[in-house]
Amino acid sequence: METAATPPPRRRLRWPRGLIAFTALTVIAAAMLAAYQATLTPIRLVIDDQARLLRTHQQTAGALLMDAGVGLYPEDIVVPSDPDTPLVPGMTVSVQRAGLVSINADGHIATFRTHARSVEQALLEARVSVGPYDEIQVEGTWFTASRAAGHALPTAQTTGREPTHITIRRAIPFTVYDEDQAATYLTTAPTVGEALHRIGVTLYLADGVEPPLGERITAGTNIYLRRSIPVTVQVDGRTLHTRTHREQVDEVLADLSIVLTGQDYALPPLDAPLEDDATVRVVRVTERFEV
């Protein structure tokens, strides 16, 4: 009698316990992450016209800005303005930073944050008045008051933490006495010569100026001009054009090192007074004896 062979029993595959625990933790973490992502609120954050999209679990606008590391100054403009405003999906939170401005005027320096977009607006906000002859320096460049008023200020995004420097140079009065005429002007020029140049005064080398051209000008300075007169001298076949303060013919010839010898003479005579735009002719006389 034959007996059929019995097949061996099948062995069950057993997963290692560590692998099973790791797989379970992975599945749980994925589920938690999916749940976390599903509960994030999408928000559009705009800072100085630069926008970015955020997803957050924060509940208010103020908490969102703190979580994003956005530092604020009291002068910054935040929309919504109430930091306790609840966040809703798709909401926009914007921050417009105030620029930092430093104004140096009349011996005082004022530094403040402002949303002014021009030099004129910043000066009005700082209560600094500017006269029509004053000069304004913006970031190292000088402008007249009228030109600087509409000059645009850099934005906070452009300047960062560095302030925009504005310096006011006040115009001061001075008086020019030109022969028998006197006139008072306003200037920001540092020296007498520069002040005269700016008001269009033409000076000749022989003209006298008191105080000297290089003297520093201050408020109330009186400038005296002593004008020279033009003189033409004809001598030895040459014509010399000069200007002088001298009053007589002989003094002009002496300044030009022109010497009269023997029977030489001048027309007009040496002791004649000089007139404006005078012409002096030197006549050479030679003697010759014939035997």
Protein backbone atom coordinates (compact mmCIF):
# COMPACT_ATOMS: atom_id res chain seq x y z
CA MET A 1 0.00 0.00 0.00
CA GLU A 2 1.41 3.28 -1.08
CA THR A 3 1.11 6.48 1.01
CA ALA A 4 1.12 9.99 -0.61
CA ALA A 5 3.87 12.39 0.56
CA THR A 6 2.67 15.37 2.66
CA PRO A 7 4.05 18.76 1.50
CA PRO A 8 5.98 20.79 4.12
CA PRO A 9 4.03 23.62 5.79
CA ARG A 10 4.49 27.19 4.33
CA ARG A 11 6.55 29.65 6.40
CA ARG A 12 5.07 33.14 6.97
CA LEU A 13 7.27 36.12 6.09
CA ARG A 14 7.74 38.33 9.10
CA TRP A 15 8.79 42.01 8.78
CA PRO A 16 11.37 43.20 11.23
CA ARG A 17 9.77 45.08 14.04
CA GLY A 18 12.05 48.11 13.53
CA LEU A 19 11.04 48.43 9.89
CA ILE A 20 7.37 48.19 10.79
CA ALA A 21 7.76 50.95 13.41
CA PHE A 22 9.66 53.20 10.96
CA THR A 23 7.01 52.72 8.27
CA ALA A 24 4.27 53.55 10.73
CA LEU A 25 6.07 56.71 11.87
CA THR A 26 6.59 57.79 8.25
CA VAL A 27 2.92 57.36 7.45
CA ILE A 28 1.92 59.29 10.57
CA ALA A 29 4.40 62.09 9.81
CA ALA A 30 3.14 62.37 6.24
CA ALA A 31 -0.42 62.55 7.45
CA MET A 32 0.50 65.21 10.01
CA LEU A 33 2.42 67.22 7.40
CA ALA A 34 -0.51 67.03 5.01
CA ALA A 35 -2.82 68.16 7.78
CA TYR A 36 -0.38 70.97 8.69
CA GLN A 37 -0.14 72.16 5.09
CA ALA A 38 -3.89 72.01 4.72
CA THR A 39 -4.38 74.31 7.68
CA LEU A 40 -1.84 77.00 6.54
CA THR A 41 -3.35 80.35 5.53
CA PRO A 42 -2.03 81.79 2.22
CA ILE A 43 -1.09 85.48 2.62
CA ARG A 44 0.43 88.02 0.20
CA LEU A 45 3.10 90.12 1.98
CA VAL A 46 4.21 93.37 0.26
CA ILE A 47 7.21 95.31 1.64
CA ASP A 48 8.24 98.49 -0.18
CA ASP A 49 6.47 97.35 -3.38
CA GLN A 50 8.16 93.93 -3.29
CA ALA A 51 5.62 91.12 -2.93
CA ARG A 52 5.99 87.52 -1.80
CA LEU A 53 3.53 84.72 -0.96
CA LEU A 54 3.50 83.18 2.51
CA ARG A 55 1.60 80.36 4.16
CA THR A 56 1.23 80.77 7.88
CA HIS A 57 -0.50 79.46 10.97
CA GLN A 58 -0.43 82.90 12.57
CA GLN A 59 -3.82 84.34 13.34
CA THR A 60 -3.20 88.12 13.10
CA ALA A 61 -1.36 90.59 10.86
CA GLY A 62 0.99 91.65 13.67
CA ALA A 63 1.93 88.04 14.46
CA LEU A 64 2.57 87.41 10.76
CA LEU A 65 5.03 90.31 10.53
CA MET A 66 6.85 89.21 13.68
CA ASP A 67 7.04 85.64 12.40
CA ALA A 68 8.43 86.92 9.06
CA GLY A 69 11.10 88.99 10.88
CA VAL A 70 9.80 92.34 9.63
CA GLY A 71 10.95 95.10 11.99
CA LEU A 72 8.79 98.21 12.11
CA TYR A 73 9.25 101.87 13.07
CA PRO A 74 6.38 104.06 14.26
CA GLU A 75 6.58 106.07 11.02
CA ASP A 76 6.15 103.00 8.78
CA ILE A 77 2.75 102.57 7.12
CA VAL A 78 1.19 99.12 7.64
CA VAL A 79 -2.03 97.92 6.02
CA PRO A 80 -4.02 96.75 7.87
CA SER A 81 -3.04 99.30 10.51
CA ASP A 82 -4.43 97.25 13.44
CA PRO A 83 -1.92 94.49 14.32
CA ASP A 84 -4.77 92.40 15.77
CA THR A 85 -6.56 92.20 12.42
CA PRO A 86 -7.43 88.48 11.77
CA LEU A 87 -5.82 86.86 8.75
CA VAL A 88 -8.01 85.35 6.05
CA PRO A 89 -6.88 83.30 3.03
CA GLY A 90 -5.69 85.46 0.11
CA MET A 91 -5.33 88.57 2.29
CA THR A 92 -2.62 91.19 1.48
CA VAL A 93 -0.48 92.68 4.25
CA SER A 94 1.65 95.62 3.08
CA VAL A 95 4.44 97.65 4.71
CA GLN A 96 5.68 100.96 3.34
CA ARG A 97 8.86 101.91 5.18
CA ALA A 98 9.68 105.54 6.05
CA GLY A 99 12.99 106.88 4.71
CA LEU A 100 15.65 108.26 7.05
CA VAL A 101 16.55 111.94 6.43
CA SER A 102 19.17 114.14 8.14
CA ILE A 103 18.86 117.94 7.71
CA ASN A 104 21.73 120.25 8.69
CA ALA A 105 20.57 123.88 8.89
CA ASP A 106 21.46 126.93 10.98
CA GLY A 107 23.88 124.99 13.17
CA HIS A 108 21.37 122.25 14.03
CA ILE A 109 21.03 118.69 12.74
CA ALA A 110 17.62 116.99 12.69
CA THR A 111 17.32 113.30 11.82
CA PHE A 112 13.89 111.77 11.34
CA ARG A 113 11.91 109.22 9.34
CA THR A 114 9.55 110.45 6.68
CA HIS A 115 7.46 109.42 3.70
CA ALA A 116 8.35 112.65 1.89
CA ARG A 117 9.26 112.06 -1.72
CA SER A 118 10.98 115.40 -2.42
CA VAL A 119 13.40 117.77 -0.69
CA GLU A 120 10.66 120.40 -0.45
CA GLN A 121 8.30 118.01 1.38
CA ALA A 122 11.05 116.95 3.80
CA LEU A 123 11.92 120.58 4.61
CA LEU A 124 8.25 121.42 5.19
CA GLU A 125 7.91 118.45 7.50
CA ALA A 126 11.02 119.55 9.42
CA ARG A 127 9.74 123.16 9.47
CA VAL A 128 12.90 124.46 7.83
CA SER A 129 12.32 127.50 5.62
CA VAL A 130 14.53 128.25 2.63
CA GLY A 131 15.09 131.62 0.97
CA PRO A 132 15.31 132.09 -2.81
CA TYR A 133 19.07 132.78 -2.64
CA ASP A 134 19.92 129.92 -0.26
CA GLU A 135 21.64 126.78 -1.53
CA ILE A 136 20.77 123.17 -0.70
CA GLN A 137 23.15 120.23 -0.77
CA VAL A 138 21.61 116.80 -1.34
CA GLU A 139 23.96 113.83 -0.96
CA GLY A 140 27.03 115.96 -1.76
CA THR A 141 25.58 117.89 -4.74
CA TRP A 142 24.69 121.59 -4.42
CA PHE A 143 21.53 123.03 -5.93
CA THR A 144 19.84 126.40 -5.92
CA ALA A 145 16.78 126.54 -3.69
CA SER A 146 14.40 126.45 -6.66
CA ARG A 147 16.08 123.44 -8.28
CA ALA A 148 16.45 121.47 -5.07
CA ALA A 149 12.79 121.88 -4.07
CA GLY A 150 11.59 119.32 -6.61
CA HIS A 151 14.58 117.00 -6.24
CA ALA A 152 13.38 113.47 -5.48
CA LEU A 153 14.51 111.78 -2.28
CA PRO A 154 15.76 108.17 -2.37
CA THR A 155 13.27 105.64 -1.04
CA ALA A 156 13.88 103.61 2.11
CA GLN A 157 14.37 100.54 -0.06
CA THR A 158 17.20 102.30 -1.92
CA THR A 159 19.01 103.86 1.04
CA GLY A 160 18.61 101.02 3.55
CA ARG A 161 19.66 102.18 7.00
CA GLU A 162 21.76 105.16 5.83
CA PRO A 163 20.04 108.59 6.01
CA THR A 164 19.74 110.99 3.11
CA HIS A 165 21.83 114.05 4.04
CA ILE A 166 20.48 117.54 3.28
CA THR A 167 22.51 120.67 4.12
CA ILE A 168 21.25 124.25 3.93
CA ARG A 169 23.73 127.05 3.14
CA ARG A 170 22.21 130.42 3.95
CA ALA A 171 22.68 133.43 1.70
CA ILE A 172 24.21 136.44 3.48
CA PRO A 173 23.95 140.15 2.57
CA PHE A 174 26.90 142.24 1.34
CA THR A 175 27.20 145.70 -0.20
CA VAL A 176 29.28 146.73 -3.22
CA TYR A 177 30.47 150.32 -3.53
CA ASP A 178 31.40 150.84 -7.18
CA GLU A 179 32.70 154.39 -7.54
CA ASP A 180 29.67 156.56 -6.64
CA GLN A 181 27.12 153.71 -6.74
CA ALA A 182 26.17 151.29 -3.96
CA ALA A 183 24.09 148.10 -4.15
CA THR A 184 23.30 145.30 -1.69
CA TYR A 185 23.16 141.63 -2.71
CA LEU A 186 22.66 138.18 -1.18
CA THR A 187 25.16 135.40 -1.77
CA THR A 188 26.32 131.99 -0.61
CA ALA A 189 29.79 132.52 -2.09
CA PRO A 190 32.67 131.84 0.32
CA THR A 191 35.01 134.66 -0.82
CA VAL A 192 34.84 138.27 -2.01
CA GLY A 193 36.05 137.37 -5.50
CA GLU A 194 33.48 134.59 -5.93
CA ALA A 195 30.68 136.85 -4.68
CA LEU A 196 31.60 139.55 -7.23
CA HIS A 197 31.82 136.96 -9.99
CA ARG A 198 28.35 135.60 -9.21
CA ILE A 199 26.72 139.02 -9.49
CA GLY A 200 28.46 139.67 -12.80
CA VAL A 201 31.03 142.28 -11.78
CA THR A 202 33.85 142.56 -14.33
CA LEU A 203 37.24 143.39 -12.87
CA TYR A 204 40.43 144.47 -14.61
CA LEU A 205 43.90 143.70 -13.36
CA ALA A 206 44.49 147.33 -12.42
CA ASP A 207 41.19 147.71 -10.55
CA GLY A 208 41.44 147.99 -6.79
CA VAL A 209 39.27 145.81 -4.52
CA GLU A 210 39.00 146.14 -0.77
CA PRO A 211 38.91 143.72 1.01
CA PRO A 212 41.06 141.47 -1.22
CA LEU A 213 39.43 138.98 -3.58
CA GLY A 214 40.52 135.98 -1.51
CA GLU A 215 39.08 137.36 1.73
CA ARG A 216 36.30 135.28 3.28
CA ILE A 217 32.96 137.04 3.00
CA THR A 218 30.71 137.45 6.03
CA ALA A 219 27.27 138.95 6.61
CA GLY A 220 27.38 142.73 6.21
CA THR A 221 30.69 142.83 4.32
CA ASN A 222 31.30 146.09 2.45
CA ILE A 223 33.27 145.75 -0.80
CA TYR A 224 34.85 148.87 -2.30
CA LEU A 225 35.85 148.95 -5.98
CA ARG A 226 38.33 151.51 -7.27
CA ARG A 227 38.06 151.45 -11.01
CA SER A 228 41.05 151.99 -13.26
CA ILE A 229 40.77 154.03 -16.46
CA PRO A 230 41.96 152.96 -19.93
CA VAL A 231 44.99 154.77 -21.36
CA THR A 232 46.74 154.43 -24.71
CA VAL A 233 50.43 155.30 -24.96
CA GLN A 234 52.19 155.79 -28.31
CA VAL A 235 55.95 155.57 -28.01
CA ASP A 236 58.86 154.49 -30.23
CA GLY A 237 56.56 153.24 -32.98
CA ARG A 238 54.52 151.11 -30.57
CA THR A 239 51.01 151.51 -29.20
CA LEU A 240 50.48 150.34 -25.63
CA HIS A 241 47.03 149.83 -24.10
CA THR A 242 46.84 149.82 -20.33
CA ARG A 243 44.64 150.74 -17.38
CA THR A 244 45.72 152.83 -14.43
CA HIS A 245 44.75 154.56 -11.20
CA ARG A 246 47.30 157.32 -11.78
CA GLU A 247 46.17 160.91 -12.07
CA GLN A 248 48.95 162.48 -14.22
CA VAL A 249 50.70 161.61 -17.44
CA ASP A 250 54.17 161.35 -15.91
CA GLU A 251 52.94 158.76 -13.38
CA VAL A 252 51.60 156.51 -16.15
CA LEU A 253 54.86 156.72 -18.09
CA ALA A 254 56.81 155.89 -14.92
CA ASP A 255 54.64 152.78 -14.35
CA LEU A 256 55.41 151.67 -17.92
CA SER A 257 59.16 152.40 -17.45
CA ILE A 258 59.11 154.95 -20.27
CA VAL A 259 61.92 157.50 -19.77
CA LEU A 260 62.14 160.91 -21.45
CA THR A 261 65.66 162.18 -22.11
CA GLY A 262 67.09 165.33 -23.57
CA GLN A 263 64.47 167.31 -25.44
CA ASP A 264 61.87 164.50 -25.44
CA TYR A 265 58.36 165.55 -24.50
CA ALA A 266 54.83 164.11 -24.14
CA LEU A 267 51.46 165.18 -25.44
CA PRO A 268 49.59 166.04 -23.30
CA PRO A 269 52.38 167.42 -21.05
CA LEU A 270 53.78 165.37 -18.18
CA ASP A 271 51.96 167.35 -15.52
CA ALA A 272 48.60 167.20 -17.29
CA PRO A 273 45.78 165.32 -15.51
CA LEU A 274 44.66 162.04 -17.06
CA GLU A 275 41.20 161.72 -18.52
CA ASP A 276 39.22 158.54 -19.13
CA ASP A 277 40.38 156.75 -22.29
CA ALA A 278 43.19 159.27 -22.82
CA THR A 279 45.92 158.92 -25.44
CA VAL A 280 49.47 159.92 -24.53
CA ARG A 281 52.04 160.41 -27.32
CA VAL A 282 55.73 160.44 -26.54
CA VAL A 283 57.81 162.51 -28.97
CA ARG A 284 61.51 161.72 -29.22
CA VAL A 285 63.79 164.68 -30.01
CA THR A 286 67.33 164.19 -31.29
CA GLU A 287 70.04 166.84 -31.76
CA ARG A 288 72.51 166.85 -34.60
CA PHE A 289 75.33 169.35 -35.14
CA GLU A 290 76.46 170.04 -38.70
CA VAL A 291 79.77 171.77 -39.43
